Amino acid sequence: MHPVSIIVISVLLIALTGCVSKDQFYRGMYEGLKTRETNVHPQIDQHPVPQAVMPYEEYEAERQKLQDNK
């Protein structure tokens, strides 16, 4: 890829993230990484043991609790 294209794409991404609140940005990152993980490492068993993935709200609450304890 050309260096100019990389710079243009980077500027656009930075500008677009500026239009989103911090919470929405982190929520999108969390959900995107969670989806990527399930795509990269799919379950071999078609009926896996029900193991709920932590929703973002629980993750954020636990993260805040841990930060408050520091």
Protein backbone atom coordinates (compact mmCIF):
# COMPACT_ATOMS: atom_id res chain seq x y z
CA MET A 1 0.00 0.00 0.00
CA HIS A 2 1.21 3.48 -0.73
CA PRO A 3 2.28 5.67 2.17
CA VAL A 4 -0.22 8.36 1.15
CA SER A 5 -3.11 5.84 1.31
CA ILE A 6 -2.05 4.74 4.78
CA ILE A 7 -1.94 8.34 5.97
CA VAL A 8 -5.37 9.12 4.49
CA ILE A 9 -6.93 6.00 6.02
CA SER A 10 -5.34 6.77 9.39
CA VAL A 11 -6.65 10.34 9.37
CA LEU A 12 -10.15 9.12 8.47
CA LEU A 13 -10.14 6.54 11.27
CA ILE A 14 -8.95 9.11 13.81
CA ALA A 15 -11.62 11.56 12.66
CA LEU A 16 -14.35 8.93 12.87
CA THR A 17 -13.35 7.84 16.36
CA GLY A 18 -13.63 11.47 17.41
CA CYS A 19 -17.34 11.32 16.52
CA VAL A 20 -17.98 8.48 18.97
CA SER A 21 -18.09 8.75 22.72
CA LYS A 22 -15.41 7.01 24.73
CA ASP A 23 -17.86 4.41 26.07
CA GLN A 24 -19.16 3.58 22.58
CA PHE A 25 -15.60 3.27 21.27
CA TYR A 26 -14.58 0.84 24.04
CA ARG A 27 -17.82 -1.12 23.67
CA GLY A 28 -17.16 -1.49 19.94
CA MET A 29 -13.59 -2.60 20.58
CA TYR A 30 -14.73 -5.16 23.18
CA GLU A 31 -17.47 -6.58 20.97
CA GLY A 32 -15.20 -6.64 17.92
CA LEU A 33 -12.43 -8.47 19.74
CA LYS A 34 -14.94 -10.92 21.21
CA THR A 35 -16.31 -11.64 17.72
CA ARG A 36 -12.81 -12.00 16.30
CA GLU A 37 -11.90 -14.47 19.03
CA THR A 38 -14.90 -16.67 18.22
CA ASN A 39 -14.04 -16.54 14.51
CA VAL A 40 -10.35 -17.33 14.97
CA HIS A 41 -10.88 -20.04 17.59
CA PRO A 42 -14.25 -21.66 16.82
CA GLN A 43 -15.57 -24.34 19.13
CA ILE A 44 -14.92 -27.86 17.84
CA ASP A 45 -18.06 -29.15 19.52
CA GLN A 46 -21.21 -27.90 17.80
CA HIS A 47 -23.02 -27.84 21.15
CA PRO A 48 -20.50 -26.36 23.57
CA VAL A 49 -21.10 -26.25 27.28
CA PRO A 50 -23.14 -23.13 27.95
CA GLN A 51 -20.49 -20.71 29.10
CA ALA A 52 -21.81 -17.19 28.82
CA VAL A 53 -19.40 -14.60 27.56
CA MET A 54 -19.42 -11.60 29.86
CA PRO A 55 -21.48 -8.74 28.42
CA TYR A 56 -19.79 -5.37 28.15
CA GLU A 57 -21.82 -3.88 31.01
CA GLU A 58 -20.60 -6.58 33.44
CA TYR A 59 -17.05 -6.20 32.17
CA GLU A 60 -17.15 -2.43 32.66
CA ALA A 61 -18.63 -2.75 36.19
CA GLU A 62 -15.97 -5.28 37.20
CA ARG A 63 -13.24 -3.13 35.68
CA GLN A 64 -14.46 -0.06 37.59
CA LYS A 65 -14.60 -2.05 40.83
CA LEU A 66 -11.01 -3.22 40.34
CA GLN A 67 -9.82 0.31 39.54
CA ASP A 68 -11.55 1.71 42.63
CA ASN A 69 -9.75 -0.86 44.82
CA LYS A 70 -6.31 0.36 43.68
